[in-house]
Amino acid sequence: MKLVYVFDAYCGWSHGFSGTLSEVVARHPDVPVEVVSGGLFTGSRRVPVREFGHVQGANAQIAELTGAEFGEAYEGLIADGSFVMDSEVAARGVAALRQAAPARAAELAGALQRAFYVDGLSLSDPATCRKVAEEAGLDADAVVAAFGGPRVRVAAGADFHRAASLGVTGFPTLLAVDGDRVTVLARGHATADEVDQRLAALRTP
């Protein structure tokens, strides 16, 4: 059995779920975790953030429910309103970091989200990928080179296809995948204890 975490780096609820995910990973070091980018802001949804009027209200709700931090630099981006969230480029960043340290994919996904939601850094900027890689002790030059290369473009597209093939329509979604059996452990929000209860039920004969 493995866990499959389908998220979007530009999804506030995914940012809110990062704490739960890291706790679940810490509790189950024996269970592999596959991280998949879902593609929330692609195509016609790649527009200035001011066009998503619900963002600030949703963030307040996320912070209250999960304790997730939204930094001043990020709040400034939202207030300005011209920033464009591009999930395809963000997925390339996820893929480049994941390629460098596959076993740390969940941790790196969370770090990428903090770079945006706390530090207000664009996930389309290679310098953001570099910062996350350096702080994680990875080969930052290799990660940045991968970010701009064709392999991660293919990987980003494959992620979107994988999310769709799993039937995931909302982010974040945490799944337990055991052969052909796919079980939803969390969708949107859950505590680590709630995820644990659902995992335990799966493991009970």
C-alpha atoms as a PDB file:
ATOM      1  CA  MET A   1       0.000   0.000   0.000  1.00  0.00           C
ATOM      2  CA  LYS A   2       1.073   3.569  -0.631  1.00  0.00           C
ATOM      3  CA  LEU A   3      -0.348   7.029  -0.082  1.00  0.00           C
ATOM      4  CA  VAL A   4      -1.048   9.255  -3.067  1.00  0.00           C
ATOM      5  CA  TYR A   5      -1.302  12.956  -2.256  1.00  0.00           C
ATOM      6  CA  VAL A   6      -2.995  14.976  -4.996  1.00  0.00           C
ATOM      7  CA  PHE A   7      -2.610  18.706  -4.411  1.00  0.00           C
ATOM      8  CA  ASP A   8      -1.963  21.966  -6.188  1.00  0.00           C
ATOM      9  CA  ALA A   9       0.902  24.213  -5.133  1.00  0.00           C
ATOM     10  CA  TYR A  10      -1.397  27.236  -5.634  1.00  0.00           C
ATOM     11  CA  CYS A  11      -4.259  25.774  -3.585  1.00  0.00           C
ATOM     12  CA  GLY A  12      -4.772  27.374  -0.171  1.00  0.00           C
ATOM     13  CA  TRP A  13      -6.502  24.280   1.209  1.00  0.00           C
ATOM     14  CA  SER A  14      -3.487  22.208   0.159  1.00  0.00           C
ATOM     15  CA  HIS A  15      -1.272  24.652   2.064  1.00  0.00           C
ATOM     16  CA  GLY A  16      -3.559  24.182   5.053  1.00  0.00           C
ATOM     17  CA  PHE A  17      -3.257  20.405   4.759  1.00  0.00           C
ATOM     18  CA  SER A  18       0.576  20.454   4.778  1.00  0.00           C
ATOM     19  CA  GLY A  19       0.740  20.097   8.568  1.00  0.00           C
ATOM     20  CA  THR A  20      -1.542  17.064   8.547  1.00  0.00           C
ATOM     21  CA  LEU A  21       0.420  15.481   5.707  1.00  0.00           C
ATOM     22  CA  SER A  22       3.782  15.920   7.425  1.00  0.00           C
ATOM     23  CA  GLU A  23       2.361  14.396  10.616  1.00  0.00           C
ATOM     24  CA  VAL A  24       0.920  11.411   8.720  1.00  0.00           C
ATOM     25  CA  VAL A  25       4.255  10.873   6.926  1.00  0.00           C
ATOM     26  CA  ALA A  26       6.131  11.045  10.241  1.00  0.00           C
ATOM     27  CA  ARG A  27       3.780   8.490  11.829  1.00  0.00           C
ATOM     28  CA  HIS A  28       4.053   6.052   8.913  1.00  0.00           C
ATOM     29  CA  PRO A  29       7.671   6.097   7.718  1.00  0.00           C
ATOM     30  CA  ASP A  30       7.163   2.646   6.196  1.00  0.00           C
ATOM     31  CA  VAL A  31       4.428   3.817   3.801  1.00  0.00           C
ATOM     32  CA  PRO A  32       5.646   5.373   0.533  1.00  0.00           C
ATOM     33  CA  VAL A  33       4.057   8.662  -0.513  1.00  0.00           C
ATOM     34  CA  GLU A  34       3.501   9.666  -4.123  1.00  0.00           C
ATOM     35  CA  VAL A  35       2.931  13.404  -4.637  1.00  0.00           C
ATOM     36  CA  VAL A  36       0.850  14.412  -7.675  1.00  0.00           C
ATOM     37  CA  SER A  37       0.117  17.952  -8.908  1.00  0.00           C
ATOM     38  CA  GLY A  38      -3.528  18.412  -9.790  1.00  0.00           C
ATOM     39  CA  GLY A  39      -3.616  21.457 -12.072  1.00  0.00           C
ATOM     40  CA  LEU A  40      -6.014  23.934 -10.475  1.00  0.00           C
ATOM     41  CA  PHE A  41      -5.049  27.067 -12.408  1.00  0.00           C
ATOM     42  CA  THR A  42      -4.525  26.051 -16.025  1.00  0.00           C
ATOM     43  CA  GLY A  43      -6.017  27.169 -19.340  1.00  0.00           C
ATOM     44  CA  SER A  44      -8.715  29.803 -18.915  1.00  0.00           C
ATOM     45  CA  ARG A  45      -8.138  29.876 -15.124  1.00  0.00           C
ATOM     46  CA  ARG A  46      -4.676  31.432 -15.596  1.00  0.00           C
ATOM     47  CA  VAL A  47      -5.887  34.954 -14.854  1.00  0.00           C
ATOM     48  CA  PRO A  48      -4.939  37.688 -12.343  1.00  0.00           C
ATOM     49  CA  VAL A  49      -5.757  36.660  -8.792  1.00  0.00           C
ATOM     50  CA  ARG A  50      -8.145  39.610  -8.422  1.00  0.00           C
ATOM     51  CA  GLU A  51     -10.598  37.627 -10.561  1.00  0.00           C
ATOM     52  CA  PHE A  52     -10.922  35.084  -7.739  1.00  0.00           C
ATOM     53  CA  GLY A  53     -12.765  37.267  -5.267  1.00  0.00           C
ATOM     54  CA  HIS A  54     -13.182  34.474  -2.711  1.00  0.00           C
ATOM     55  CA  VAL A  55      -9.445  34.049  -1.986  1.00  0.00           C
ATOM     56  CA  GLN A  56      -9.106  36.246   1.115  1.00  0.00           C
ATOM     57  CA  GLY A  57     -12.239  34.880   2.770  1.00  0.00           C
ATOM     58  CA  ALA A  58     -11.156  31.303   2.047  1.00  0.00           C
ATOM     59  CA  ASN A  59      -7.680  31.957   3.446  1.00  0.00           C
ATOM     60  CA  ALA A  60      -9.133  33.279   6.696  1.00  0.00           C
ATOM     61  CA  GLN A  61     -11.213  30.106   6.970  1.00  0.00           C
ATOM     62  CA  ILE A  62      -8.191  27.897   6.192  1.00  0.00           C
ATOM     63  CA  ALA A  63      -6.038  29.669   8.781  1.00  0.00           C
ATOM     64  CA  GLU A  64      -8.733  29.341  11.443  1.00  0.00           C
ATOM     65  CA  LEU A  65      -9.377  25.664  10.739  1.00  0.00           C
ATOM     66  CA  THR A  66      -5.809  24.446  10.174  1.00  0.00           C
ATOM     67  CA  GLY A  67      -3.521  27.016  11.784  1.00  0.00           C
ATOM     68  CA  ALA A  68      -1.737  27.527   8.442  1.00  0.00           C
ATOM     69  CA  GLU A  69       0.259  30.724   8.092  1.00  0.00           C
ATOM     70  CA  PHE A  70      -0.327  33.291   5.356  1.00  0.00           C
ATOM     71  CA  GLY A  71       2.545  35.768   5.315  1.00  0.00           C
ATOM     72  CA  GLU A  72       2.565  39.532   4.763  1.00  0.00           C
ATOM     73  CA  ALA A  73       4.386  39.236   1.433  1.00  0.00           C
ATOM     74  CA  TYR A  74       1.704  36.853   0.165  1.00  0.00           C
ATOM     75  CA  GLU A  75      -1.099  39.103   1.467  1.00  0.00           C
ATOM     76  CA  GLY A  76       0.533  41.938  -0.475  1.00  0.00           C
ATOM     77  CA  LEU A  77       0.349  39.888  -3.686  1.00  0.00           C
ATOM     78  CA  ILE A  78      -3.348  39.238  -3.130  1.00  0.00           C
ATOM     79  CA  ALA A  79      -4.060  42.889  -2.314  1.00  0.00           C
ATOM     80  CA  ASP A  80      -2.273  44.010  -5.492  1.00  0.00           C
ATOM     81  CA  GLY A  81      -4.345  41.507  -7.490  1.00  0.00           C
ATOM     82  CA  SER A  82      -2.223  41.315 -10.653  1.00  0.00           C
ATOM     83  CA  PHE A  83      -0.359  38.097  -9.823  1.00  0.00           C
ATOM     84  CA  VAL A  84      -1.211  35.143 -12.078  1.00  0.00           C
ATOM     85  CA  MET A  85      -1.161  31.667 -10.567  1.00  0.00           C
ATOM     86  CA  ASP A  86       0.031  29.163 -13.194  1.00  0.00           C
ATOM     87  CA  SER A  87      -0.378  25.610 -11.949  1.00  0.00           C
ATOM     88  CA  GLU A  88       1.435  24.087 -14.934  1.00  0.00           C
ATOM     89  CA  VAL A  89       4.674  25.929 -14.145  1.00  0.00           C
ATOM     90  CA  ALA A  90       4.231  25.241 -10.423  1.00  0.00           C
ATOM     91  CA  ALA A  91       3.830  21.534 -11.242  1.00  0.00           C
ATOM     92  CA  ARG A  92       7.149  21.686 -13.073  1.00  0.00           C
ATOM     93  CA  GLY A  93       8.727  22.997  -9.869  1.00  0.00           C
ATOM     94  CA  VAL A  94       7.175  20.145  -7.904  1.00  0.00           C
ATOM     95  CA  ALA A  95       8.478  17.661 -10.484  1.00  0.00           C
ATOM     96  CA  ALA A  96      11.992  19.137 -10.491  1.00  0.00           C
ATOM     97  CA  LEU A  97      12.244  18.940  -6.686  1.00  0.00           C
ATOM     98  CA  ARG A  98      10.635  15.486  -6.581  1.00  0.00           C
ATOM     99  CA  GLN A  99      13.134  14.232  -9.158  1.00  0.00           C
ATOM    100  CA  ALA A 100      16.021  15.410  -6.935  1.00  0.00           C
ATOM    101  CA  ALA A 101      14.721  13.694  -3.783  1.00  0.00           C
ATOM    102  CA  PRO A 102      11.797  11.312  -4.478  1.00  0.00           C
ATOM    103  CA  ALA A 103      11.512  10.092  -0.894  1.00  0.00           C
ATOM    104  CA  ARG A 104      11.111  13.693   0.343  1.00  0.00           C
ATOM    105  CA  ALA A 105       8.397  14.696  -2.156  1.00  0.00           C
ATOM    106  CA  ALA A 106       5.774  15.483   0.512  1.00  0.00           C
ATOM    107  CA  GLU A 107       8.193  17.644   2.507  1.00  0.00           C
ATOM    108  CA  LEU A 108       9.320  19.515  -0.625  1.00  0.00           C
ATOM    109  CA  ALA A 109       5.734  20.121  -1.752  1.00  0.00           C
ATOM    110  CA  GLY A 110       5.053  21.755   1.610  1.00  0.00           C
ATOM    111  CA  ALA A 111       8.218  23.867   1.333  1.00  0.00           C
ATOM    112  CA  LEU A 112       7.185  25.078  -2.123  1.00  0.00           C
ATOM    113  CA  GLN A 113       3.789  26.094  -0.747  1.00  0.00           C
ATOM    114  CA  ARG A 114       5.409  28.000   2.128  1.00  0.00           C
ATOM    115  CA  ALA A 115       7.536  29.877  -0.416  1.00  0.00           C
ATOM    116  CA  PHE A 116       4.319  31.190  -1.963  1.00  0.00           C
ATOM    117  CA  TYR A 117       1.895  31.467   0.956  1.00  0.00           C
ATOM    118  CA  VAL A 118       4.355  32.764   3.536  1.00  0.00           C
ATOM    119  CA  ASP A 119       7.160  34.410   1.538  1.00  0.00           C
ATOM    120  CA  GLY A 120       5.012  35.598  -1.381  1.00  0.00           C
ATOM    121  CA  LEU A 121       7.384  34.145  -3.993  1.00  0.00           C
ATOM    122  CA  SER A 122       6.206  33.234  -7.477  1.00  0.00           C
ATOM    123  CA  LEU A 123       6.335  29.517  -8.246  1.00  0.00           C
ATOM    124  CA  SER A 124       6.986  30.455 -11.887  1.00  0.00           C
ATOM    125  CA  ASP A 125      10.363  31.936 -10.886  1.00  0.00           C
ATOM    126  CA  PRO A 126      13.352  29.550 -11.045  1.00  0.00           C
ATOM    127  CA  ALA A 127      14.844  31.470  -8.091  1.00  0.00           C
ATOM    128  CA  THR A 128      12.018  30.136  -5.893  1.00  0.00           C
ATOM    129  CA  CYS A 129      12.890  26.575  -6.872  1.00  0.00           C
ATOM    130  CA  ARG A 130      16.527  27.360  -6.106  1.00  0.00           C
ATOM    131  CA  LYS A 131      15.671  28.703  -2.654  1.00  0.00           C
ATOM    132  CA  VAL A 132      13.589  25.638  -1.742  1.00  0.00           C
ATOM    133  CA  ALA A 133      16.293  23.293  -3.055  1.00  0.00           C
ATOM    134  CA  GLU A 134      19.072  25.086  -1.168  1.00  0.00           C
ATOM    135  CA  GLU A 135      17.127  25.091   2.102  1.00  0.00           C
ATOM    136  CA  ALA A 136      16.480  21.355   1.646  1.00  0.00           C
ATOM    137  CA  GLY A 137      20.188  20.674   1.062  1.00  0.00           C
ATOM    138  CA  LEU A 138      19.657  19.567  -2.552  1.00  0.00           C
ATOM    139  CA  ASP A 139      21.750  20.297  -5.643  1.00  0.00           C
ATOM    140  CA  ALA A 140      20.078  23.613  -6.464  1.00  0.00           C
ATOM    141  CA  ASP A 141      21.787  23.987  -9.863  1.00  0.00           C
ATOM    142  CA  ALA A 142      20.455  20.577 -10.932  1.00  0.00           C
ATOM    143  CA  VAL A 143      16.936  21.419  -9.708  1.00  0.00           C
ATOM    144  CA  VAL A 144      16.884  24.751 -11.566  1.00  0.00           C
ATOM    145  CA  ALA A 145      18.202  23.103 -14.729  1.00  0.00           C
ATOM    146  CA  ALA A 146      15.494  20.450 -14.469  1.00  0.00           C
ATOM    147  CA  PHE A 147      12.829  23.124 -13.868  1.00  0.00           C
ATOM    148  CA  GLY A 148      13.598  24.644 -17.254  1.00  0.00           C
ATOM    149  CA  GLY A 149      13.971  21.349 -19.098  1.00  0.00           C
ATOM    150  CA  PRO A 150      11.599  19.211 -21.166  1.00  0.00           C
ATOM    151  CA  ARG A 151      11.479  16.259 -18.774  1.00  0.00           C
ATOM    152  CA  VAL A 152       9.568  18.100 -16.054  1.00  0.00           C
ATOM    153  CA  ARG A 153       7.119  19.558 -18.587  1.00  0.00           C
ATOM    154  CA  VAL A 154       6.224  15.982 -19.479  1.00  0.00           C
ATOM    155  CA  ALA A 155       6.095  15.087 -15.768  1.00  0.00           C
ATOM    156  CA  ALA A 156       3.701  17.970 -15.033  1.00  0.00           C
ATOM    157  CA  GLY A 157       1.353  16.813 -17.785  1.00  0.00           C
ATOM    158  CA  ALA A 158       1.598  13.250 -16.529  1.00  0.00           C
ATOM    159  CA  ASP A 159       0.670  14.460 -13.032  1.00  0.00           C
ATOM    160  CA  PHE A 160      -2.506  16.150 -14.300  1.00  0.00           C
ATOM    161  CA  HIS A 161      -3.424  12.984 -16.184  1.00  0.00           C
ATOM    162  CA  ARG A 162      -2.726  10.834 -13.117  1.00  0.00           C
ATOM    163  CA  ALA A 163      -4.934  13.035 -10.916  1.00  0.00           C
ATOM    164  CA  ALA A 164      -7.775  12.778 -13.432  1.00  0.00           C
ATOM    165  CA  SER A 165      -7.349   8.998 -13.798  1.00  0.00           C
ATOM    166  CA  LEU A 166      -7.688   8.650 -10.016  1.00  0.00           C
ATOM    167  CA  GLY A 167     -10.983  10.546 -10.213  1.00  0.00           C
ATOM    168  CA  VAL A 168      -9.697  13.460  -8.121  1.00  0.00           C
ATOM    169  CA  THR A 169     -11.635  16.673  -8.753  1.00  0.00           C
ATOM    170  CA  GLY A 170     -10.789  18.673  -5.630  1.00  0.00           C
ATOM    171  CA  PHE A 171      -7.550  19.492  -3.815  1.00  0.00           C
ATOM    172  CA  PRO A 172      -6.064  18.364  -1.582  1.00  0.00           C
ATOM    173  CA  THR A 173      -7.051  14.693  -1.738  1.00  0.00           C
ATOM    174  CA  LEU A 174      -5.131  11.991   0.113  1.00  0.00           C
ATOM    175  CA  LEU A 175      -5.637   8.455  -1.143  1.00  0.00           C
ATOM    176  CA  ALA A 176      -4.553   5.019  -0.018  1.00  0.00           C
ATOM    177  CA  VAL A 177      -3.748   2.904  -3.064  1.00  0.00           C
ATOM    178  CA  ASP A 178      -3.360  -0.827  -2.644  1.00  0.00           C
ATOM    179  CA  GLY A 179      -3.272  -2.617  -5.993  1.00  0.00           C
ATOM    180  CA  ASP A 180      -6.539  -1.746  -7.709  1.00  0.00           C
ATOM    181  CA  ARG A 181      -8.168  -0.547  -4.499  1.00  0.00           C
ATOM    182  CA  VAL A 182      -8.227   3.229  -4.072  1.00  0.00           C
ATOM    183  CA  THR A 183      -9.601   4.672  -0.823  1.00  0.00           C
ATOM    184  CA  VAL A 184     -10.054   8.356   0.000  1.00  0.00           C
ATOM    185  CA  LEU A 185      -8.418   9.141   3.358  1.00  0.00           C
ATOM    186  CA  ALA A 186      -8.939  12.907   3.255  1.00  0.00           C
ATOM    187  CA  ARG A 187     -10.457  15.491   0.977  1.00  0.00           C
ATOM    188  CA  GLY A 188     -10.050  19.205   1.666  1.00  0.00           C
ATOM    189  CA  HIS A 189      -9.309  18.920   5.365  1.00  0.00           C
ATOM    190  CA  ALA A 190      -8.676  16.239   7.975  1.00  0.00           C
ATOM    191  CA  THR A 191      -6.549  15.843  11.078  1.00  0.00           C
ATOM    192  CA  ALA A 192      -3.717  13.318  11.274  1.00  0.00           C
ATOM    193  CA  ASP A 193      -5.766  11.352  13.813  1.00  0.00           C
ATOM    194  CA  GLU A 194      -8.703  11.123  11.386  1.00  0.00           C
ATOM    195  CA  VAL A 195      -6.400   9.908   8.612  1.00  0.00           C
ATOM    196  CA  ASP A 196      -4.908   7.368  11.037  1.00  0.00           C
ATOM    197  CA  GLN A 197      -8.352   6.002  11.908  1.00  0.00           C
ATOM    198  CA  ARG A 198      -9.171   5.509   8.223  1.00  0.00           C
ATOM    199  CA  LEU A 199      -5.812   3.855   7.595  1.00  0.00           C
ATOM    200  CA  ALA A 200      -6.295   1.529  10.553  1.00  0.00           C
ATOM    201  CA  ALA A 201      -9.731   0.528   9.251  1.00  0.00           C
ATOM    202  CA  LEU A 202      -8.135  -0.396   5.912  1.00  0.00           C
ATOM    203  CA  ARG A 203      -5.549  -2.559   7.621  1.00  0.00           C
ATOM    204  CA  THR A 204      -8.099  -4.423   9.739  1.00  0.00           C
ATOM    205  CA  PRO A 205      -8.986  -7.750   8.106  1.00  0.00           C
END
